[in-house]
Amino acid sequence: MEKTQESLFTSKVIAVLIAGFTICAFLFYEMMKFADAGNLILVILTSIAISIVAVVILKYIKHQQIKRI
């Protein structure tokens, strides 16, 4: 198969990256508030949520890259 010269960064991928960055920034801000309050359980749950968002974004980008081929 011949690889195409199209860019991976389409408008959909850029929108997902911006949305993911916004969600992660908000979750990180909330995690810091929970840490200041001394709530360890919510800090751990929030960090897990940030990781899940990052994995979902990576899977979406990988799917878009495979779909191009």
C-alpha atoms as a PDB file:
ATOM      1  CA  MET A   1       0.000   0.000   0.000  1.00  0.00           C
ATOM      2  CA  GLU A   2       1.111   3.474  -0.765  1.00  0.00           C
ATOM      3  CA  LYS A   3       1.222   5.943   2.073  1.00  0.00           C
ATOM      4  CA  THR A   4      -0.550   9.220   1.513  1.00  0.00           C
ATOM      5  CA  GLN A   5       0.987  12.606   2.171  1.00  0.00           C
ATOM      6  CA  GLU A   6      -2.072  13.884   4.033  1.00  0.00           C
ATOM      7  CA  SER A   7      -1.503  15.504   7.389  1.00  0.00           C
ATOM      8  CA  LEU A   8      -2.645  13.667  10.482  1.00  0.00           C
ATOM      9  CA  PHE A   9      -3.803  16.927  12.042  1.00  0.00           C
ATOM     10  CA  THR A  10      -7.221  17.349  10.521  1.00  0.00           C
ATOM     11  CA  SER A  11      -9.854  19.589  12.042  1.00  0.00           C
ATOM     12  CA  LYS A  12     -11.398  16.626  13.921  1.00  0.00           C
ATOM     13  CA  VAL A  13      -8.080  15.623  15.481  1.00  0.00           C
ATOM     14  CA  ILE A  14      -7.287  19.208  16.452  1.00  0.00           C
ATOM     15  CA  ALA A  15     -10.737  19.570  18.031  1.00  0.00           C
ATOM     16  CA  VAL A  16     -10.227  16.372  20.042  1.00  0.00           C
ATOM     17  CA  LEU A  17      -6.783  17.555  21.171  1.00  0.00           C
ATOM     18  CA  ILE A  18      -8.132  20.933  22.290  1.00  0.00           C
ATOM     19  CA  ALA A  19     -11.076  19.340  24.098  1.00  0.00           C
ATOM     20  CA  GLY A  20      -8.796  16.803  25.761  1.00  0.00           C
ATOM     21  CA  PHE A  21      -6.350  19.489  26.849  1.00  0.00           C
ATOM     22  CA  THR A  22      -9.193  21.539  28.310  1.00  0.00           C
ATOM     23  CA  ILE A  23     -10.610  18.557  30.202  1.00  0.00           C
ATOM     24  CA  CYS A  24      -7.165  17.584  31.523  1.00  0.00           C
ATOM     25  CA  ALA A  25      -6.440  21.162  32.613  1.00  0.00           C
ATOM     26  CA  PHE A  26      -9.754  21.335  34.475  1.00  0.00           C
ATOM     27  CA  LEU A  27      -9.165  17.939  36.116  1.00  0.00           C
ATOM     28  CA  PHE A  28      -5.640  18.962  37.124  1.00  0.00           C
ATOM     29  CA  TYR A  29      -6.978  22.179  38.662  1.00  0.00           C
ATOM     30  CA  GLU A  30      -9.582  20.193  40.604  1.00  0.00           C
ATOM     31  CA  MET A  31      -6.917  17.713  41.706  1.00  0.00           C
ATOM     32  CA  MET A  32      -4.867  20.557  43.172  1.00  0.00           C
ATOM     33  CA  LYS A  33      -7.945  21.843  45.042  1.00  0.00           C
ATOM     34  CA  PHE A  34      -8.558  18.357  46.448  1.00  0.00           C
ATOM     35  CA  ALA A  35      -4.893  18.131  47.460  1.00  0.00           C
ATOM     36  CA  ASP A  36      -5.117  21.445  49.319  1.00  0.00           C
ATOM     37  CA  ALA A  37      -8.186  20.131  51.120  1.00  0.00           C
ATOM     38  CA  GLY A  38      -6.268  16.965  52.048  1.00  0.00           C
ATOM     39  CA  ASN A  39      -8.625  14.554  50.294  1.00  0.00           C
ATOM     40  CA  LEU A  40      -6.328  11.752  49.113  1.00  0.00           C
ATOM     41  CA  ILE A  41      -9.044   9.553  47.607  1.00  0.00           C
ATOM     42  CA  LEU A  42     -10.296  12.307  45.288  1.00  0.00           C
ATOM     43  CA  VAL A  43      -6.729  13.192  44.293  1.00  0.00           C
ATOM     44  CA  ILE A  44      -6.112   9.571  43.259  1.00  0.00           C
ATOM     45  CA  LEU A  45      -9.453   9.337  41.424  1.00  0.00           C
ATOM     46  CA  THR A  46      -8.814  12.608  39.603  1.00  0.00           C
ATOM     47  CA  SER A  47      -5.356  11.482  38.496  1.00  0.00           C
ATOM     48  CA  ILE A  48      -6.893   8.249  37.183  1.00  0.00           C
ATOM     49  CA  ALA A  49      -9.468  10.331  35.275  1.00  0.00           C
ATOM     50  CA  ILE A  50      -6.682  12.409  33.709  1.00  0.00           C
ATOM     51  CA  SER A  51      -4.953   9.201  32.621  1.00  0.00           C
ATOM     52  CA  ILE A  52      -8.174   7.852  31.098  1.00  0.00           C
ATOM     53  CA  VAL A  53      -8.673  11.055  29.095  1.00  0.00           C
ATOM     54  CA  ALA A  54      -5.096  10.839  27.801  1.00  0.00           C
ATOM     55  CA  VAL A  55      -5.532   7.185  26.776  1.00  0.00           C
ATOM     56  CA  VAL A  56      -8.798   7.948  24.968  1.00  0.00           C
ATOM     57  CA  ILE A  57      -7.131  10.770  23.027  1.00  0.00           C
ATOM     58  CA  LEU A  58      -4.216   8.522  22.063  1.00  0.00           C
ATOM     59  CA  LYS A  59      -6.553   5.751  20.919  1.00  0.00           C
ATOM     60  CA  TYR A  60      -8.529   8.245  18.813  1.00  0.00           C
ATOM     61  CA  ILE A  61      -5.378   9.555  17.140  1.00  0.00           C
ATOM     62  CA  LYS A  62      -4.149   6.008  16.517  1.00  0.00           C
ATOM     63  CA  HIS A  63      -7.518   5.098  14.993  1.00  0.00           C
ATOM     64  CA  GLN A  64      -7.381   8.149  12.712  1.00  0.00           C
ATOM     65  CA  GLN A  65      -3.856   7.233  11.633  1.00  0.00           C
ATOM     66  CA  ILE A  66      -4.817   3.625  10.868  1.00  0.00           C
ATOM     67  CA  LYS A  67      -7.910   4.812   9.000  1.00  0.00           C
ATOM     68  CA  ARG A  68      -5.668   6.941   6.723  1.00  0.00           C
ATOM     69  CA  ILE A  69      -3.659   3.902   5.641  1.00  0.00           C
END
